[in-house]
Amino acid sequence: MAREYIVPMANVSVTGAVSLAWVFVNPGTTQSLEFLRAYASQSANATSAQQSIAIQTQVTAFPTLTSTAPVKLKLLDPVSQITGNTDGAAGHSGTNASVAGAGTKSGVITDNFNVLNGYLWVPTPAETIIMNASAASGLGLYAPTQPTSLGNWSAGLVFRELG
């Protein structure tokens, strides 16, 4: 059975700087990761506003993050091979970046959503994103433009560890 995990960010104030990762996961050296879902939403206000969002890869140097370990989605699964850390390096995950990192970002999916509805990316099986083990890059969920309201954002990336 596949081992699936989520790196969640819940009800945090995001920085006003743009292009900072809300959630970032970097595969380790032994497990490839298949990304199955991404989401973002806010509960700070009830004002309609459009927000841009992007799923991007980033190579060294990685963002500086709040250490956030993946949470397993199946209780009998072992803990993830990915561990929470602030550096975004191989085998690490985190949320709510405070520094973007100088590494080149490459857009995989760019989109826009209304903050009253939230954002949900659920690919069909043929459209999932696979990040290979020992790759030089990680995958992040980013806000390319500053949100109108910076408070009470939640976001997450769901992934599966591949053998």
C-alpha atoms as a PDB file:
ATOM      1  CA  MET A   1       0.000   0.000   0.000  1.00  0.00           C
ATOM      2  CA  ALA A   2       1.221   3.481  -0.863  1.00  0.00           C
ATOM      3  CA  ARG A   3       2.441   5.698   1.949  1.00  0.00           C
ATOM      4  CA  GLU A   4       0.856   9.145   1.717  1.00  0.00           C
ATOM      5  CA  TYR A   5       1.603  12.270   3.723  1.00  0.00           C
ATOM      6  CA  ILE A   6       0.630  15.919   3.979  1.00  0.00           C
ATOM      7  CA  VAL A   7       2.743  18.938   4.858  1.00  0.00           C
ATOM      8  CA  PRO A   8       0.164  21.336   6.318  1.00  0.00           C
ATOM      9  CA  MET A   9       0.237  25.025   7.134  1.00  0.00           C
ATOM     10  CA  ALA A  10      -2.724  26.057   9.295  1.00  0.00           C
ATOM     11  CA  ASN A  11      -4.058  29.560   9.997  1.00  0.00           C
ATOM     12  CA  VAL A  12      -0.808  31.515   9.828  1.00  0.00           C
ATOM     13  CA  SER A  13      -0.003  35.079   8.870  1.00  0.00           C
ATOM     14  CA  VAL A  14       2.054  35.016   5.713  1.00  0.00           C
ATOM     15  CA  THR A  15       4.688  37.589   4.964  1.00  0.00           C
ATOM     16  CA  GLY A  16       3.884  40.449   2.619  1.00  0.00           C
ATOM     17  CA  ALA A  17       6.874  39.610   0.419  1.00  0.00           C
ATOM     18  CA  VAL A  18       5.903  37.883  -2.814  1.00  0.00           C
ATOM     19  CA  SER A  19       7.237  34.629  -4.218  1.00  0.00           C
ATOM     20  CA  LEU A  20       7.772  33.054  -0.809  1.00  0.00           C
ATOM     21  CA  ALA A  21       6.866  29.393  -0.444  1.00  0.00           C
ATOM     22  CA  TRP A  22       3.813  28.659   1.644  1.00  0.00           C
ATOM     23  CA  VAL A  23       4.691  24.946   1.600  1.00  0.00           C
ATOM     24  CA  PHE A  24       7.940  23.365   0.334  1.00  0.00           C
ATOM     25  CA  VAL A  25       8.995  19.704   0.075  1.00  0.00           C
ATOM     26  CA  ASN A  26      12.353  18.469  -1.188  1.00  0.00           C
ATOM     27  CA  PRO A  27      12.777  14.745  -2.002  1.00  0.00           C
ATOM     28  CA  GLY A  28      15.559  12.932  -0.225  1.00  0.00           C
ATOM     29  CA  THR A  29      18.198  10.733  -1.791  1.00  0.00           C
ATOM     30  CA  THR A  30      16.305   7.426  -1.618  1.00  0.00           C
ATOM     31  CA  GLN A  31      12.593   8.108  -2.283  1.00  0.00           C
ATOM     32  CA  SER A  32      10.925   9.792  -5.215  1.00  0.00           C
ATOM     33  CA  LEU A  33       7.761  11.725  -4.364  1.00  0.00           C
ATOM     34  CA  GLU A  34       4.502  11.900  -6.285  1.00  0.00           C
ATOM     35  CA  PHE A  35       2.461  15.027  -5.524  1.00  0.00           C
ATOM     36  CA  LEU A  36      -1.263  14.330  -5.373  1.00  0.00           C
ATOM     37  CA  ARG A  37      -2.925  17.508  -4.116  1.00  0.00           C
ATOM     38  CA  ALA A  38      -2.298  21.146  -3.239  1.00  0.00           C
ATOM     39  CA  TYR A  39      -4.608  23.571  -1.478  1.00  0.00           C
ATOM     40  CA  ALA A  40      -4.714  27.099  -0.074  1.00  0.00           C
ATOM     41  CA  SER A  41      -7.372  29.162   1.668  1.00  0.00           C
ATOM     42  CA  GLN A  42      -7.807  32.039   4.087  1.00  0.00           C
ATOM     43  CA  SER A  43     -10.272  32.906   6.805  1.00  0.00           C
ATOM     44  CA  ALA A  44      -9.181  36.459   7.606  1.00  0.00           C
ATOM     45  CA  ASN A  45     -12.044  38.288   5.938  1.00  0.00           C
ATOM     46  CA  ALA A  46     -15.070  37.960   3.702  1.00  0.00           C
ATOM     47  CA  THR A  47     -13.949  40.306   0.927  1.00  0.00           C
ATOM     48  CA  SER A  48     -13.796  38.876  -2.567  1.00  0.00           C
ATOM     49  CA  ALA A  49     -10.311  39.108  -4.100  1.00  0.00           C
ATOM     50  CA  GLN A  50      -8.410  37.257  -6.787  1.00  0.00           C
ATOM     51  CA  GLN A  51      -5.086  35.650  -5.806  1.00  0.00           C
ATOM     52  CA  SER A  52      -2.402  34.161  -8.024  1.00  0.00           C
ATOM     53  CA  ILE A  53      -0.820  30.874  -6.993  1.00  0.00           C
ATOM     54  CA  ALA A  54       1.922  28.679  -8.424  1.00  0.00           C
ATOM     55  CA  ILE A  55       3.366  25.224  -7.955  1.00  0.00           C
ATOM     56  CA  GLN A  56       7.060  25.604  -8.724  1.00  0.00           C
ATOM     57  CA  THR A  57      10.317  23.743  -8.487  1.00  0.00           C
ATOM     58  CA  GLN A  58      13.298  25.466  -6.905  1.00  0.00           C
ATOM     59  CA  VAL A  59      16.962  24.518  -6.994  1.00  0.00           C
ATOM     60  CA  THR A  60      19.674  25.432  -4.473  1.00  0.00           C
ATOM     61  CA  ALA A  61      19.633  27.850  -2.621  1.00  0.00           C
ATOM     62  CA  PHE A  62      16.342  26.897  -1.039  1.00  0.00           C
ATOM     63  CA  PRO A  63      13.901  29.002   0.995  1.00  0.00           C
ATOM     64  CA  THR A  64      14.201  29.514   4.736  1.00  0.00           C
ATOM     65  CA  LEU A  65      11.096  27.893   6.223  1.00  0.00           C
ATOM     66  CA  THR A  66       9.275  27.126   9.427  1.00  0.00           C
ATOM     67  CA  SER A  67      10.129  23.482  10.121  1.00  0.00           C
ATOM     68  CA  THR A  68       7.013  21.391   9.421  1.00  0.00           C
ATOM     69  CA  ALA A  69       7.184  17.594   9.340  1.00  0.00           C
ATOM     70  CA  PRO A  70       4.857  15.607   7.075  1.00  0.00           C
ATOM     71  CA  VAL A  71       1.809  14.070   8.727  1.00  0.00           C
ATOM     72  CA  LYS A  72       0.937  10.518   7.695  1.00  0.00           C
ATOM     73  CA  LEU A  73      -2.512   9.988   6.201  1.00  0.00           C
ATOM     74  CA  LYS A  74      -2.711   6.290   7.117  1.00  0.00           C
ATOM     75  CA  LEU A  75      -2.207   5.617  10.808  1.00  0.00           C
ATOM     76  CA  LEU A  76      -0.380   2.307  10.299  1.00  0.00           C
ATOM     77  CA  ASP A  77       2.226   3.821   7.969  1.00  0.00           C
ATOM     78  CA  PRO A  78       5.719   4.594   9.224  1.00  0.00           C
ATOM     79  CA  VAL A  79       6.824   8.206   9.563  1.00  0.00           C
ATOM     80  CA  SER A  80       7.829   9.836   6.303  1.00  0.00           C
ATOM     81  CA  GLN A  81      11.352   9.709   4.928  1.00  0.00           C
ATOM     82  CA  ILE A  82      10.998  13.509   4.708  1.00  0.00           C
ATOM     83  CA  THR A  83      11.616  15.431   7.945  1.00  0.00           C
ATOM     84  CA  GLY A  84      10.713  18.949   8.947  1.00  0.00           C
ATOM     85  CA  ASN A  85      13.554  21.458   8.769  1.00  0.00           C
ATOM     86  CA  THR A  86      14.114  25.152   8.121  1.00  0.00           C
ATOM     87  CA  ASP A  87      16.629  24.810   5.258  1.00  0.00           C
ATOM     88  CA  GLY A  88      14.558  23.297   2.410  1.00  0.00           C
ATOM     89  CA  ALA A  89      17.419  20.925   1.563  1.00  0.00           C
ATOM     90  CA  ALA A  90      17.075  17.346   0.309  1.00  0.00           C
ATOM     91  CA  GLY A  91      14.813  15.240   2.498  1.00  0.00           C
ATOM     92  CA  HIS A  92      13.268  18.248   4.275  1.00  0.00           C
ATOM     93  CA  SER A  93       9.923  20.036   4.349  1.00  0.00           C
ATOM     94  CA  GLY A  94       8.623  23.282   5.775  1.00  0.00           C
ATOM     95  CA  THR A  95       6.032  26.019   5.546  1.00  0.00           C
ATOM     96  CA  ASN A  96       5.650  29.815   5.538  1.00  0.00           C
ATOM     97  CA  ALA A  97       9.043  30.845   4.160  1.00  0.00           C
ATOM     98  CA  SER A  98      10.662  33.977   5.559  1.00  0.00           C
ATOM     99  CA  VAL A  99      13.418  34.104   2.904  1.00  0.00           C
ATOM    100  CA  ALA A 100      12.937  33.094  -0.731  1.00  0.00           C
ATOM    101  CA  GLY A 101      16.402  31.633  -1.333  1.00  0.00           C
ATOM    102  CA  ALA A 102      18.420  32.490  -4.424  1.00  0.00           C
ATOM    103  CA  GLY A 103      17.689  29.239  -6.268  1.00  0.00           C
ATOM    104  CA  THR A 104      15.984  29.428  -9.648  1.00  0.00           C
ATOM    105  CA  LYS A 105      12.239  28.779  -9.578  1.00  0.00           C
ATOM    106  CA  SER A 106      10.534  27.079 -12.510  1.00  0.00           C
ATOM    107  CA  GLY A 107       6.764  27.193 -12.834  1.00  0.00           C
ATOM    108  CA  VAL A 108       4.991  23.870 -13.171  1.00  0.00           C
ATOM    109  CA  ILE A 109       1.411  25.067 -12.650  1.00  0.00           C
ATOM    110  CA  THR A 110       0.259  28.668 -12.388  1.00  0.00           C
ATOM    111  CA  ASP A 111      -3.311  29.546 -11.561  1.00  0.00           C
ATOM    112  CA  ASN A 112      -5.601  32.095  -9.911  1.00  0.00           C
ATOM    113  CA  PHE A 113      -8.435  31.710  -7.440  1.00  0.00           C
ATOM    114  CA  ASN A 114     -10.918  33.755  -5.457  1.00  0.00           C
ATOM    115  CA  VAL A 115      -9.920  33.837  -1.801  1.00  0.00           C
ATOM    116  CA  LEU A 116     -13.531  33.303  -0.726  1.00  0.00           C
ATOM    117  CA  ASN A 117     -13.494  29.889  -2.420  1.00  0.00           C
ATOM    118  CA  GLY A 118      -9.898  28.777  -1.798  1.00  0.00           C
ATOM    119  CA  TYR A 119      -7.618  26.869  -4.145  1.00  0.00           C
ATOM    120  CA  LEU A 120      -7.616  23.121  -4.721  1.00  0.00           C
ATOM    121  CA  TRP A 121      -5.432  21.291  -7.246  1.00  0.00           C
ATOM    122  CA  VAL A 122      -6.320  17.605  -7.626  1.00  0.00           C
ATOM    123  CA  PRO A 123      -4.667  16.151 -10.724  1.00  0.00           C
ATOM    124  CA  THR A 124      -5.883  13.131 -12.582  1.00  0.00           C
ATOM    125  CA  PRO A 125      -3.408  10.239 -12.245  1.00  0.00           C
ATOM    126  CA  ALA A 126      -1.710  11.134 -15.506  1.00  0.00           C
ATOM    127  CA  GLU A 127      -1.145  14.718 -14.327  1.00  0.00           C
ATOM    128  CA  THR A 128       0.530  14.144 -10.957  1.00  0.00           C
ATOM    129  CA  ILE A 129       3.944  15.695 -10.399  1.00  0.00           C
ATOM    130  CA  ILE A 130       6.808  13.307  -9.635  1.00  0.00           C
ATOM    131  CA  MET A 131      10.019  14.633  -8.113  1.00  0.00           C
ATOM    132  CA  ASN A 132      12.845  12.126  -8.409  1.00  0.00           C
ATOM    133  CA  ALA A 133      15.038  11.091  -5.502  1.00  0.00           C
ATOM    134  CA  SER A 134      18.392  12.858  -5.526  1.00  0.00           C
ATOM    135  CA  ALA A 135      17.016  15.583  -7.757  1.00  0.00           C
ATOM    136  CA  ALA A 136      18.575  18.989  -7.282  1.00  0.00           C
ATOM    137  CA  SER A 137      15.224  20.653  -6.668  1.00  0.00           C
ATOM    138  CA  GLY A 138      12.230  20.702  -4.361  1.00  0.00           C
ATOM    139  CA  LEU A 139       8.589  21.555  -5.000  1.00  0.00           C
ATOM    140  CA  GLY A 140       6.721  24.433  -3.435  1.00  0.00           C
ATOM    141  CA  LEU A 141       3.339  26.112  -3.352  1.00  0.00           C
ATOM    142  CA  TYR A 142       3.923  29.846  -3.835  1.00  0.00           C
ATOM    143  CA  ALA A 143       1.985  33.108  -3.945  1.00  0.00           C
ATOM    144  CA  PRO A 144       3.516  35.069  -6.854  1.00  0.00           C
ATOM    145  CA  THR A 145       1.619  38.213  -5.794  1.00  0.00           C
ATOM    146  CA  GLN A 146       0.955  39.569  -2.324  1.00  0.00           C
ATOM    147  CA  PRO A 147      -2.411  38.544  -0.898  1.00  0.00           C
ATOM    148  CA  THR A 148      -4.787  41.385  -0.012  1.00  0.00           C
ATOM    149  CA  SER A 149      -5.125  39.945   3.483  1.00  0.00           C
ATOM    150  CA  LEU A 150      -2.028  38.376   5.077  1.00  0.00           C
ATOM    151  CA  GLY A 151      -3.734  36.680   8.037  1.00  0.00           C
ATOM    152  CA  ASN A 152      -5.210  33.246   8.609  1.00  0.00           C
ATOM    153  CA  TRP A 153      -3.868  31.350   5.592  1.00  0.00           C
ATOM    154  CA  SER A 154      -3.889  27.575   5.415  1.00  0.00           C
ATOM    155  CA  ALA A 155      -2.174  25.561   2.710  1.00  0.00           C
ATOM    156  CA  GLY A 156      -0.728  22.125   2.099  1.00  0.00           C
ATOM    157  CA  LEU A 157       0.893  19.644  -0.238  1.00  0.00           C
ATOM    158  CA  VAL A 158      -0.094  15.972  -0.261  1.00  0.00           C
ATOM    159  CA  PHE A 159       2.459  13.480  -1.582  1.00  0.00           C
ATOM    160  CA  ARG A 160       3.103   9.767  -1.903  1.00  0.00           C
ATOM    161  CA  GLU A 161       6.518   8.206  -1.301  1.00  0.00           C
ATOM    162  CA  LEU A 162       7.483   5.966  -4.203  1.00  0.00           C
ATOM    163  CA  GLY A 163       9.746   2.922  -3.819  1.00  0.00           C
END
